Protein backbone atom coordinates (compact mmCIF):
# COMPACT_ATOMS: atom_id res chain seq x y z
CA MET A 1 44.79 -42.41 -81.65
CA GLN A 2 47.22 -44.46 -84.21
CA LYS A 3 50.20 -42.72 -85.41
CA GLY A 4 49.93 -40.18 -87.94
CA GLU A 5 46.33 -38.88 -87.23
CA PRO A 6 45.48 -34.88 -85.90
CA MET A 7 45.89 -34.91 -82.43
CA THR A 8 42.61 -34.11 -80.88
CA THR A 9 42.73 -31.40 -78.09
CA VAL A 10 41.48 -31.15 -74.99
CA LYS A 11 39.17 -29.04 -76.33
CA GLN A 12 37.54 -30.07 -78.97
CA ALA A 13 37.52 -32.91 -76.67
CA SER A 14 35.43 -31.25 -74.83
CA TYR A 15 33.45 -29.82 -77.12
CA GLU A 16 32.62 -33.01 -78.45
CA LEU A 17 31.16 -34.14 -75.12
CA LEU A 18 29.11 -31.39 -73.83
CA ARG A 19 27.58 -31.82 -77.27
CA ALA A 20 27.24 -35.04 -77.36
CA ASN A 21 25.25 -34.50 -74.06
CA GLY A 22 23.01 -32.60 -75.62
CA ILE A 23 24.66 -29.18 -73.81
CA THR A 24 25.39 -26.57 -77.09
CA THR A 25 24.72 -23.65 -74.39
CA ILE A 26 26.96 -21.59 -72.55
CA PHE A 27 25.95 -19.30 -69.94
CA GLY A 28 29.14 -16.72 -69.62
CA ASN A 29 31.05 -13.83 -68.43
CA PRO A 30 34.70 -14.22 -69.78
CA GLY A 31 38.01 -13.29 -68.46
CA SER A 32 41.55 -13.56 -69.36
CA ASN A 33 41.58 -16.98 -68.49
CA GLU A 34 38.40 -18.43 -70.33
CA LEU A 35 39.69 -16.89 -73.38
CA PRO A 36 41.29 -20.05 -75.08
CA PHE A 37 38.21 -21.92 -74.21
CA LEU A 38 36.18 -19.64 -75.82
CA GLY A 39 38.37 -18.58 -78.74
CA ALA A 40 36.74 -20.43 -82.02
CA MET A 41 33.77 -21.72 -80.21
CA PRO A 42 31.76 -24.30 -82.67
CA GLU A 43 28.71 -23.00 -84.84
CA ASP A 44 26.37 -25.15 -83.15
CA PHE A 45 27.20 -24.01 -79.67
CA ARG A 46 25.60 -20.28 -78.31
CA TYR A 47 26.76 -17.96 -76.20
CA ILE A 48 24.48 -16.61 -73.32
CA LEU A 49 26.43 -12.98 -72.33
CA GLY A 50 25.65 -12.20 -68.91
CA LEU A 51 26.83 -8.45 -67.17
CA HIS A 52 27.92 -9.50 -64.32
CA GLU A 53 28.20 -13.49 -62.49
CA GLY A 54 25.19 -13.63 -60.21
CA VAL A 55 23.24 -12.86 -63.75
CA VAL A 56 24.87 -15.20 -65.38
CA MET A 57 24.27 -18.06 -62.49
CA GLY A 58 21.07 -17.30 -62.20
CA MET A 59 20.27 -17.50 -65.87
CA ALA A 60 21.45 -20.88 -65.94
CA ASP A 61 19.26 -22.35 -63.31
CA GLY A 62 16.50 -21.17 -64.73
CA PHE A 63 17.50 -22.84 -68.16
CA ALA A 64 18.58 -25.86 -66.47
CA GLN A 65 15.31 -26.23 -63.87
CA ALA A 66 12.76 -25.27 -67.50
CA THR A 67 14.39 -28.25 -69.46
CA GLY A 68 15.47 -30.46 -66.34
CA LYS A 69 18.90 -31.16 -68.14
CA ALA A 70 22.49 -29.89 -66.91
CA ALA A 71 23.78 -26.09 -68.90
CA PHE A 72 26.77 -25.06 -68.48
CA VAL A 73 27.76 -22.30 -66.91
CA ASN A 74 31.35 -20.44 -67.42
CA LEU A 75 32.94 -18.01 -65.01
CA HIS A 76 36.27 -16.26 -64.38
CA ALA A 77 38.71 -17.51 -61.70
CA ALA A 78 38.11 -17.03 -58.58
CA SER A 79 36.80 -13.95 -58.54
CA GLY A 80 33.99 -14.71 -61.15
CA THR A 81 33.09 -17.46 -59.30
CA GLY A 82 32.86 -15.16 -55.48
CA ASN A 83 30.48 -12.84 -57.67
CA ALA A 84 28.37 -15.96 -58.01
CA MET A 85 28.47 -17.91 -55.11
CA GLY A 86 24.99 -16.04 -54.04
CA ALA A 87 23.12 -17.35 -57.18
CA LEU A 88 24.74 -20.59 -56.71
CA THR A 89 23.19 -21.03 -52.91
CA ASN A 90 19.89 -21.05 -55.26
CA ALA A 91 20.53 -23.65 -57.49
CA TRP A 92 22.00 -25.76 -54.53
CA TYR A 93 19.10 -25.96 -53.36
CA SER A 94 16.80 -26.17 -56.18
CA HIS A 95 19.00 -29.26 -56.96
CA THR A 96 19.47 -27.26 -61.01
CA PRO A 97 22.10 -29.78 -62.44
CA LEU A 98 24.92 -27.56 -63.63
CA VAL A 99 28.23 -27.91 -64.61
CA ILE A 100 30.31 -24.87 -63.55
CA SER A 101 33.33 -24.19 -65.08
CA ALA A 102 36.05 -21.47 -64.21
CA GLY A 103 38.96 -20.27 -65.86
CA GLN A 104 41.95 -21.54 -63.67
CA GLN A 105 45.84 -19.66 -64.56
CA VAL A 106 47.92 -21.40 -66.02
CA ARG A 107 49.87 -24.45 -64.07
CA PRO A 108 53.45 -23.22 -63.76
CA SER A 109 51.94 -19.70 -62.68
CA ILE A 110 49.25 -21.42 -59.87
CA GLY A 111 51.53 -21.82 -57.47
CA MET A 112 53.28 -18.31 -56.76
CA GLU A 113 49.87 -17.30 -57.07
CA SER A 114 49.90 -15.77 -60.13
CA MET A 115 47.31 -12.97 -60.70
CA LEU A 116 44.21 -14.78 -61.52
CA SER A 117 44.91 -17.53 -59.64
CA ASN A 118 42.49 -19.37 -58.52
CA VAL A 119 43.50 -20.50 -55.17
CA ASP A 120 42.57 -23.72 -53.98
CA ALA A 121 39.50 -23.58 -56.40
CA THR A 122 38.27 -26.73 -55.22
CA THR A 123 37.45 -25.40 -51.93
CA LEU A 124 36.32 -21.90 -53.04
CA PRO A 125 32.74 -23.24 -53.79
CA ARG A 126 31.54 -26.20 -51.57
CA PRO A 127 29.63 -26.50 -50.06
CA LEU A 128 27.17 -25.64 -52.38
CA VAL A 129 28.76 -27.94 -54.78
CA LYS A 130 27.75 -31.99 -55.20
CA ALA A 131 31.59 -32.39 -56.61
CA SER A 132 34.50 -29.87 -57.39
CA SER A 133 37.62 -30.55 -59.11
CA GLU A 134 40.67 -29.27 -60.61
CA PRO A 135 42.18 -32.24 -62.99
CA ALA A 136 45.41 -33.57 -62.17
CA CYS A 137 46.68 -32.81 -65.68
CA ALA A 138 45.87 -32.17 -69.27
CA GLU A 139 44.81 -34.74 -70.07
CA ASP A 140 41.94 -35.62 -67.38
CA VAL A 141 40.15 -32.28 -68.31
CA PRO A 142 37.55 -34.47 -70.90
CA ARG A 143 37.16 -37.37 -68.17
CA SER A 144 36.54 -34.51 -65.50
CA LEU A 145 34.11 -32.77 -67.33
CA SER A 146 32.46 -36.18 -68.11
CA HIS A 147 32.75 -36.47 -64.71
CA ALA A 148 31.20 -33.52 -63.68
CA ILE A 149 28.01 -33.94 -66.36
CA HIS A 150 27.21 -37.52 -64.94
CA ILE A 151 27.68 -36.55 -61.16
CA ALA A 152 25.24 -33.09 -61.42
CA THR A 153 22.20 -34.72 -63.74
CA GLN A 154 21.85 -37.69 -61.15
CA ASP A 155 19.68 -37.66 -58.36
CA PRO A 156 19.55 -35.77 -56.10
CA LYS A 157 20.56 -33.61 -59.11
CA GLY A 158 22.58 -30.46 -58.26
CA PRO A 159 26.05 -28.05 -59.56
CA VAL A 160 29.21 -29.56 -59.97
CA TYR A 161 32.86 -27.52 -60.35
CA ILE A 162 35.61 -27.87 -62.34
CA SER A 163 38.57 -25.06 -62.22
CA VAL A 164 40.37 -25.80 -65.84
CA PRO A 165 43.68 -24.17 -66.32
CA TYR A 166 43.99 -21.98 -69.31
CA ASP A 167 47.38 -24.32 -71.12
CA ASP A 168 45.25 -27.00 -70.71
CA TRP A 169 42.86 -26.12 -73.59
CA ASP A 170 45.52 -27.15 -76.70
CA ALA A 171 46.88 -30.13 -75.30
CA ASP A 172 46.79 -33.40 -76.63
CA ALA A 173 43.43 -34.89 -75.29
CA GLY A 174 44.92 -38.66 -75.52
CA GLU A 175 43.88 -41.95 -75.08
CA VAL A 176 41.33 -41.35 -72.62
CA SER A 177 39.06 -39.10 -74.20
CA VAL A 178 38.26 -41.69 -77.16
CA ASN A 179 35.32 -43.31 -75.25
CA LEU A 180 33.77 -40.89 -73.09
CA ALA A 181 31.12 -39.01 -75.54
CA GLY A 182 29.44 -42.12 -75.73
CA ARG A 183 28.98 -43.23 -72.41
CA SER A 184 26.18 -42.87 -70.46
CA VAL A 185 25.05 -43.24 -66.69
CA GLN A 186 21.16 -44.13 -65.35
CA ALA A 187 19.77 -44.72 -62.49
CA ALA A 188 17.08 -47.09 -61.28
CA GLY A 189 15.45 -45.95 -58.42
CA THR A 190 11.92 -48.06 -57.73
CA PRO A 191 11.29 -48.89 -54.33
CA SER A 192 9.99 -52.44 -53.23
CA ARG A 193 6.36 -53.36 -52.24
CA GLN A 194 8.11 -54.58 -49.25
CA GLN A 195 9.88 -51.49 -48.33
CA LEU A 196 6.49 -49.29 -49.23
CA GLU A 197 4.30 -51.67 -47.14
CA PRO A 198 4.47 -49.36 -44.24
CA PHE A 199 3.76 -46.32 -45.70
CA ILE A 200 0.75 -48.26 -47.74
CA GLY A 201 -0.20 -49.29 -44.55
CA ALA A 202 -0.03 -46.65 -42.76
CA LEU A 203 -1.80 -43.89 -44.91
CA ALA A 204 -4.74 -46.63 -45.61
CA SER A 205 -5.55 -46.79 -41.86
CA ALA A 206 -5.63 -43.04 -41.16
CA ALA A 207 -8.81 -40.90 -40.53
CA ASN A 208 -7.28 -37.58 -41.53
CA PRO A 209 -3.71 -37.74 -43.85
CA VAL A 210 -2.93 -35.00 -45.61
CA LEU A 211 -0.13 -34.79 -47.82
CA VAL A 212 2.97 -32.54 -48.54
CA LEU A 213 4.60 -31.77 -51.60
CA GLY A 214 7.85 -30.12 -52.56
CA PRO A 215 9.71 -29.31 -56.42
CA ASP A 216 11.19 -33.14 -56.83
CA VAL A 217 7.56 -33.25 -57.62
CA ASP A 218 7.26 -31.35 -60.35
CA ALA A 219 8.18 -33.16 -64.00
CA ALA A 220 4.88 -33.82 -64.97
CA ARG A 221 4.91 -37.55 -64.59
CA ALA A 222 5.44 -37.46 -60.89
CA ASN A 223 2.76 -34.00 -61.22
CA HIS A 224 0.26 -36.81 -62.65
CA GLN A 225 0.75 -39.50 -59.69
CA ALA A 226 0.80 -36.65 -57.29
CA VAL A 227 -2.66 -35.92 -58.30
CA ALA A 228 -4.27 -39.46 -58.59
CA LEU A 229 -2.93 -40.19 -55.26
CA ALA A 230 -4.43 -37.02 -53.24
CA ASP A 231 -7.44 -38.02 -55.35
CA LYS A 232 -7.79 -41.83 -54.28
CA LEU A 233 -7.11 -40.76 -50.67
CA LYS A 234 -9.22 -37.81 -50.14
CA MET A 235 -6.58 -35.69 -49.19
CA PRO A 236 -5.55 -32.01 -48.63
CA VAL A 237 -2.12 -30.94 -50.47
CA TRP A 238 -0.36 -27.79 -49.24
CA VAL A 239 3.50 -27.57 -50.84
CA ALA A 240 6.58 -27.37 -49.22
CA PRO A 241 7.42 -24.03 -47.62
CA SER A 242 9.64 -21.59 -49.48
CA ALA A 243 9.43 -23.85 -52.83
CA PRO A 244 11.01 -23.71 -55.40
CA ARG A 245 8.94 -25.58 -58.00
CA CYS A 246 5.32 -26.41 -58.51
CA PRO A 247 4.73 -29.28 -57.87
CA PHE A 248 0.65 -29.36 -57.79
CA PRO A 249 -2.26 -27.60 -59.71
CA THR A 250 -3.18 -24.93 -57.69
CA THR A 251 -6.89 -25.34 -59.06
CA HIS A 252 -6.80 -28.47 -57.14
CA PRO A 253 -9.98 -28.71 -54.63
CA SER A 254 -7.20 -30.22 -52.50
CA PHE A 255 -4.95 -27.64 -52.84
CA ARG A 256 -4.27 -25.66 -49.48
CA GLY A 257 -1.35 -23.84 -50.25
CA VAL A 258 2.15 -22.83 -49.29
CA LEU A 259 3.24 -24.05 -45.41
CA PRO A 260 4.65 -21.73 -43.30
CA ALA A 261 8.36 -21.65 -42.89
CA SER A 262 8.08 -22.12 -39.10
CA ILE A 263 7.93 -24.89 -36.84
CA SER A 264 5.45 -24.38 -34.36
CA GLY A 265 3.61 -22.57 -38.06
CA ILE A 266 3.33 -26.12 -39.44
CA SER A 267 2.51 -28.16 -36.29
CA ALA A 268 -0.50 -25.86 -36.01
CA LEU A 269 -1.64 -26.30 -39.32
CA PHE A 270 -1.48 -30.55 -38.76
CA LYS A 271 -2.84 -30.63 -35.54
CA GLU A 272 -5.90 -32.08 -36.81
CA HIS A 273 -4.15 -34.74 -38.99
CA ASP A 274 -2.70 -38.29 -37.94
CA VAL A 275 -0.94 -39.00 -40.96
CA VAL A 276 1.61 -36.87 -42.78
CA LEU A 277 3.12 -37.50 -45.96
CA VAL A 278 6.09 -35.48 -47.46
CA VAL A 279 7.00 -35.82 -50.96
CA GLY A 280 9.65 -34.57 -52.88
CA ALA A 281 10.86 -32.02 -50.18
CA PRO A 282 12.89 -31.82 -47.11
CA VAL A 283 11.41 -32.12 -43.54
CA PHE A 284 10.79 -29.06 -43.10
CA ARG A 285 12.79 -25.56 -44.48
CA TYR A 286 12.32 -23.45 -41.66
CA HIS A 287 12.81 -20.07 -41.84
CA GLN A 288 11.60 -17.81 -39.26
CA PHE A 289 12.41 -18.92 -35.57
CA GLU A 290 8.96 -19.72 -33.91
CA PRO A 291 9.46 -23.07 -31.67
CA GLY A 292 7.15 -25.52 -30.80
CA GLU A 293 6.64 -29.08 -31.18
CA PHE A 294 7.86 -30.04 -34.79
CA LEU A 295 4.26 -32.45 -35.17
CA PRO A 296 1.65 -32.85 -33.00
CA ALA A 297 1.80 -36.10 -30.21
CA GLU A 298 -0.39 -37.87 -32.58
CA THR A 299 1.06 -37.42 -35.75
CA THR A 300 2.96 -39.87 -37.95
CA LEU A 301 5.06 -38.27 -40.89
CA LEU A 302 6.07 -40.07 -43.87
CA HIS A 303 9.25 -38.94 -45.95
CA ILE A 304 9.81 -39.97 -49.20
CA THR A 305 12.60 -38.02 -51.09
CA GLY A 306 15.15 -38.64 -53.84
CA ASP A 307 18.56 -37.09 -51.43
CA PRO A 308 19.61 -38.93 -49.37
CA GLY A 309 20.77 -35.93 -46.90
CA GLU A 310 17.66 -34.81 -46.70
CA ALA A 311 16.54 -37.99 -45.61
CA ALA A 312 19.40 -37.71 -43.12
CA ARG A 313 18.89 -34.77 -41.85
CA ALA A 314 15.37 -34.80 -40.81
CA PRO A 315 14.46 -34.81 -36.75
CA MET A 316 11.13 -36.97 -37.01
CA GLY A 317 9.61 -38.84 -39.58
CA ALA A 318 10.19 -42.66 -41.16
CA ALA A 319 12.38 -41.89 -44.96
CA LEU A 320 12.26 -43.89 -48.01
CA VAL A 321 15.07 -42.82 -50.69
CA ALA A 322 13.67 -43.66 -53.90
CA ASP A 323 12.86 -42.63 -57.43
CA VAL A 324 10.00 -39.52 -56.20
CA SER A 325 7.89 -40.73 -59.64
CA GLU A 326 8.02 -44.56 -58.97
CA ALA A 327 6.95 -44.23 -55.03
CA LEU A 328 4.57 -42.52 -56.09
CA GLN A 329 2.33 -44.00 -59.02
CA ALA A 330 3.48 -47.08 -56.98
CA LEU A 331 2.12 -46.08 -53.58
CA THR A 332 -1.11 -44.78 -55.92
CA GLU A 333 -1.89 -48.19 -57.02
CA GLY A 334 -0.55 -49.98 -53.52
CA VAL A 335 -3.72 -47.79 -51.46
CA PRO A 336 -7.50 -48.84 -51.21
CA GLU A 337 -9.36 -45.79 -52.08
CA SER A 338 -11.02 -43.56 -49.47
CA ASP A 339 -14.62 -43.60 -48.85
CA ARG A 340 -14.01 -39.82 -47.63
CA PRO A 341 -15.67 -37.40 -49.19
CA LEU A 342 -13.10 -35.04 -51.38
CA PRO A 343 -11.46 -32.04 -49.27
CA ALA A 344 -13.89 -28.71 -49.96
CA ALA A 345 -12.41 -26.34 -51.90
CA ARG A 346 -10.73 -23.45 -50.46
CA ILE A 347 -12.52 -20.07 -50.16
CA VAL A 348 -9.93 -16.88 -51.23
CA ALA A 349 -11.28 -13.27 -49.73
CA PRO A 350 -11.68 -10.66 -52.14
CA PRO A 351 -8.03 -8.67 -52.53
CA PRO A 352 -8.13 -5.12 -50.42
CA ARG A 353 -8.61 -2.22 -51.67
CA ALA A 354 -6.26 0.05 -52.29
CA GLY A 355 -6.06 4.00 -53.10
CA GLY A 356 -4.81 6.55 -55.11
CA THR A 357 -2.32 5.19 -57.96
CA VAL A 358 -1.39 2.39 -55.79
CA LEU A 359 -2.19 -1.21 -56.19
CA ALA A 360 -3.08 -4.22 -53.48
CA PRO A 361 -0.62 -7.44 -55.04
CA GLU A 362 -4.00 -9.17 -54.30
CA ALA A 363 -5.48 -7.17 -57.08
CA VAL A 364 -2.55 -6.75 -59.39
CA PHE A 365 -2.02 -11.18 -58.93
CA GLU A 366 -5.71 -11.75 -59.88
CA LEU A 367 -5.62 -9.40 -63.47
CA ILE A 368 -2.18 -11.26 -64.01
CA ASN A 369 -4.00 -14.30 -63.76
CA GLU A 370 -7.13 -12.90 -66.04
CA VAL A 371 -4.63 -11.89 -68.83
CA ALA A 372 -2.01 -14.67 -68.95
CA PRO A 373 -2.45 -17.35 -70.92
CA ARG A 374 -3.04 -20.70 -69.23
CA ASP A 375 -0.05 -22.17 -69.30
CA ALA A 376 1.87 -19.56 -68.38
CA VAL A 377 5.32 -19.71 -66.28
CA TYR A 378 5.41 -17.76 -62.96
CA VAL A 379 9.07 -16.61 -61.46
CA ASN A 380 8.49 -15.45 -58.17
CA GLU A 381 10.82 -12.62 -56.37
CA ALA A 382 8.41 -10.53 -54.74
CA THR A 383 9.78 -12.32 -51.37
CA SER A 384 6.85 -10.52 -49.17
CA THR A 385 4.03 -11.72 -51.11
CA VAL A 386 4.25 -15.51 -52.04
CA GLY A 387 1.58 -16.30 -50.17
CA ALA A 388 -1.24 -14.23 -52.14
CA LEU A 389 0.54 -15.35 -55.68
CA TRP A 390 -0.38 -18.61 -54.46
CA ASP A 391 -3.33 -18.35 -53.90
CA ARG A 392 -4.74 -16.04 -56.62
CA LEU A 393 -2.25 -17.81 -59.71
CA ASP A 394 -3.74 -20.40 -61.23
CA MET A 395 -0.91 -23.16 -61.73
CA THR A 396 -2.35 -26.29 -63.60
CA HIS A 397 0.77 -26.90 -65.85
CA PRO A 398 4.64 -28.59 -64.64
CA GLY A 399 7.21 -25.97 -64.85
CA SER A 400 4.87 -23.09 -64.08
CA TYR A 401 6.69 -21.81 -60.94
CA TYR A 402 10.14 -20.50 -60.33
CA PHE A 403 11.51 -19.71 -56.40
CA PRO A 404 14.92 -18.89 -55.54
CA ALA A 405 15.07 -21.96 -52.81
CA SER A 406 17.55 -20.36 -50.85
CA GLY A 407 15.68 -17.25 -50.32
CA GLY A 408 19.05 -15.15 -52.06
CA LEU A 409 17.34 -12.42 -53.60
CA GLY A 410 19.13 -12.00 -57.66
CA PHE A 411 17.44 -15.07 -59.06
CA GLY A 412 14.47 -13.38 -59.79
CA MET A 413 15.15 -11.39 -63.23
CA PRO A 414 18.02 -13.51 -64.48
CA ALA A 415 16.07 -16.86 -64.15
CA ALA A 416 13.11 -15.39 -65.40
CA VAL A 417 15.22 -14.65 -68.58
CA GLY A 418 16.77 -18.43 -68.80
CA VAL A 419 13.22 -19.91 -67.95
CA GLN A 420 12.04 -17.96 -71.15
CA LEU A 421 15.33 -19.21 -73.27
CA ALA A 422 14.62 -22.79 -72.04
CA ASN A 423 10.43 -22.32 -73.42
CA PRO A 424 10.30 -20.05 -76.32
CA ASN A 425 6.61 -21.50 -76.80
CA ARG A 426 5.01 -20.45 -73.36
CA ARG A 427 4.86 -17.18 -71.77
CA VAL A 428 7.40 -16.48 -68.68
CA ILE A 429 5.98 -13.90 -66.28
CA GLY A 430 8.70 -12.55 -63.74
CA ILE A 431 6.69 -11.28 -60.83
CA ILE A 432 10.02 -9.14 -58.95
CA GLY A 433 9.87 -6.91 -56.24
CA ASP A 434 12.01 -3.35 -55.37
CA GLY A 435 14.15 -4.81 -53.60
CA SER A 436 14.94 -7.84 -55.26
CA ALA A 437 15.44 -5.97 -58.69
CA ASN A 438 18.15 -4.26 -57.79
CA TYR A 439 20.52 -7.33 -56.83
CA GLY A 440 19.71 -9.00 -60.77
CA ILE A 441 18.68 -5.60 -62.97
CA THR A 442 21.64 -6.71 -65.40
CA ALA A 443 19.20 -9.26 -66.67
CA LEU A 444 17.51 -6.49 -68.94
CA TRP A 445 20.49 -6.29 -71.25
CA THR A 446 21.06 -10.00 -71.56
CA ALA A 447 17.07 -10.50 -72.88
CA ALA A 448 16.84 -7.44 -74.67
CA GLN A 449 20.09 -8.14 -76.49
CA GLU A 450 19.02 -11.72 -77.35
CA LYS A 451 15.32 -10.57 -78.11
CA ILE A 452 14.10 -12.62 -75.72
CA PRO A 453 10.13 -12.24 -74.76
CA VAL A 454 9.96 -11.86 -70.76
CA VAL A 455 7.78 -9.95 -69.02
CA PHE A 456 8.92 -8.42 -65.74
CA VAL A 457 6.43 -7.44 -63.59
CA ILE A 458 7.52 -5.05 -61.18
CA LEU A 459 6.33 -4.44 -57.99
CA ASN A 460 7.48 -1.22 -56.42
CA ASN A 461 6.71 -0.35 -52.30
CA GLY A 462 9.83 1.37 -51.62
CA THR A 463 10.84 -0.69 -49.65
CA TYR A 464 12.22 -4.42 -48.60
CA GLY A 465 9.00 -5.78 -47.03
CA ALA A 466 9.67 -9.33 -45.73
CA LEU A 467 12.65 -7.68 -43.30
CA GLN A 468 10.23 -4.88 -42.43
CA ALA A 469 7.51 -7.84 -41.66
CA PHE A 470 10.63 -9.15 -39.98
CA ALA A 471 11.22 -6.04 -37.96
CA THR A 472 8.28 -6.01 -36.59
CA LYS A 473 7.98 -9.94 -35.73
CA LEU A 474 11.55 -9.87 -34.13
CA LYS A 475 10.76 -5.97 -32.10
CA ALA A 476 13.61 -4.85 -34.41
CA GLU A 477 12.71 -0.84 -33.78
CA ASN A 478 14.39 1.60 -36.03
CA VAL A 479 16.24 -0.79 -38.42
CA PRO A 480 18.89 1.25 -40.44
CA GLY A 481 18.36 0.25 -44.01
CA LEU A 482 15.09 -1.01 -45.43
CA SER A 483 13.40 1.52 -47.27
CA VAL A 484 14.84 2.11 -51.04
CA PRO A 485 12.85 4.49 -52.42
CA GLY A 486 14.14 6.93 -55.61
CA ILE A 487 14.24 4.03 -58.27
CA ASP A 488 13.03 5.03 -61.83
CA PHE A 489 12.79 1.43 -62.84
CA CYS A 490 11.81 2.66 -66.20
CA ALA A 491 14.46 4.28 -66.66
CA LEU A 492 16.63 1.54 -66.15
CA ALA A 493 14.56 -0.67 -68.31
CA ASN A 494 15.10 1.93 -71.22
CA GLY A 495 19.00 2.60 -70.43
CA TYR A 496 19.54 -1.30 -71.01
CA GLY A 497 17.19 -1.82 -73.92
CA VAL A 498 13.61 -2.99 -73.11
CA GLN A 499 10.81 -1.52 -73.56
CA ALA A 500 8.67 -0.56 -70.24
CA ALA A 501 6.03 1.31 -68.45
CA LYS A 502 4.42 2.55 -65.31
CA VAL A 503 0.89 1.68 -64.87
CA THR A 504 -1.61 3.12 -61.57
CA GLU A 505 -4.65 1.91 -62.44
CA LEU A 506 -5.91 -1.92 -63.19
CA ASN A 507 -6.78 -0.73 -66.57
CA ASP A 508 -4.06 0.50 -68.00
CA LEU A 509 -2.43 -2.49 -66.40
CA LYS A 510 -4.54 -5.08 -67.93
CA GLN A 511 -3.67 -3.28 -71.54
CA LYS A 512 -0.04 -3.22 -70.70
CA LEU A 513 0.16 -6.94 -69.66
CA THR A 514 -1.59 -7.66 -72.68
CA THR A 515 0.68 -6.30 -75.05
CA ALA A 516 3.43 -7.13 -73.37
CA LEU A 517 2.00 -10.97 -73.67
CA GLU A 518 2.23 -10.27 -77.33
CA ALA A 519 5.52 -8.80 -77.55
CA GLU A 520 8.72 -10.21 -79.40
CA GLU A 521 11.04 -8.75 -76.80
CA PRO A 522 11.39 -7.59 -73.15
CA THR A 523 8.92 -5.55 -71.93
CA LEU A 524 9.15 -4.38 -67.65
CA ILE A 525 5.81 -2.91 -66.18
CA GLU A 526 6.38 -1.08 -63.06
CA ILE A 527 3.67 -0.98 -59.88
CA MET A 528 3.47 1.03 -57.20
CA THR A 529 2.48 -1.03 -54.88
CA THR A 530 0.83 -1.47 -51.08
CA THR A 531 3.09 -3.50 -48.47
CA ILE A 532 2.06 -7.40 -46.91
CA SER A 533 3.04 -9.07 -43.90
CA PRO A 534 4.60 -12.66 -45.81
CA PHE A 535 3.27 -14.14 -42.00
């Protein structure tokens, strides 16, 4: 800056930096520490208000996953960060690129632990962020923000946290900030032929290989390459346990469904396969404890991931850390075409019948599949019905499915709002369990205020269905707190300004869903359903 030129403030430099990186939507719930940053926000920025920080984080998580780009989250000091931690867990395991800012007390007051001081701010969000910082001086805020953006968006993508004292925003940004907006950081991760040769050889000589795909294959190019590899090697395809995104078209004859989240369950499914290739997923994210052999004795596991941590912690297999899309393309080009017949398409059993005013979730999913547009996007947080949903919804487009990667509740409703915000030309249907809905119910208010036309389908069975199944499995008798009766979701929706309807028949559901999909504002449909086991 030359003598006599007007000063560039930290705030001005930060907004310029965000704009240069295409980050002009801010998700937040403000407190006093955040007001100096948000005051006189540039007109080309959009602020999406959530009524609770968990909802704020969930909306940003869905938005970032759907756009494939970093989203900006603005939280209130330690308390706001704490409120958002459950939702941050999902973002961490989904590899969601988030830049999370938190307002800090003014610098002279932090050491005295004045009210709204974020004590030891950099430690608070760990280990659920790739990096956490509080700039040592005001002049370093823009550089720290630039660092956060580039760390968040480099593979493996993930959330990054920065705590900013609120007296920094009006300070002089200094010379360091001048070149930040023009920076770019790229990564090249194409594996060499030598690195891939053991994989190509093992797949070429395999008698009965199987492909397991994870969320990092959801990008359009990687999705296409996964289909090409499956077709060339004529192998069945499974989705990794608890996958937060859909990596393979569910209508493809090779598609087999979602793997169970247990050691013995996975091992049993692979007993006929001599080579298992896992791409873009951990090996594996187990949940229920069902011990056994990790793999059948004669089975070889190969693993391709963009996450060094996933490769390092796997209990078995040969791993290659590389760009997933590039590796899939190189594998597809390198393996010979198999003369095996294509796997026969699986047969899904018809949905069970339910009586009276209670519908079977399987029947609900089949009707949704019939009515919804082919490029519909599903955000699922009906956790006890995951297998039934994957069996009955046709998902053929990349970016068609989102699920809470950590299993923590409260993702579904906010994420549906964020995903719809990111996909104005596709219709988003949030399929939410009644237990899950209560964790993110205030997302309805944001959807109504912003006129975001997401369709919320509440499957109400009056219980925590997944927990009831676990209680049976674990032989835990008379567990309290598993029933949640007496909640009127239509009344709650109306209170937040969202149109709502309760349906008891499939024909009525068809009519209500058709109307909701044509609406230009959000709609909630509540359905009383039977309980099914996730196992």
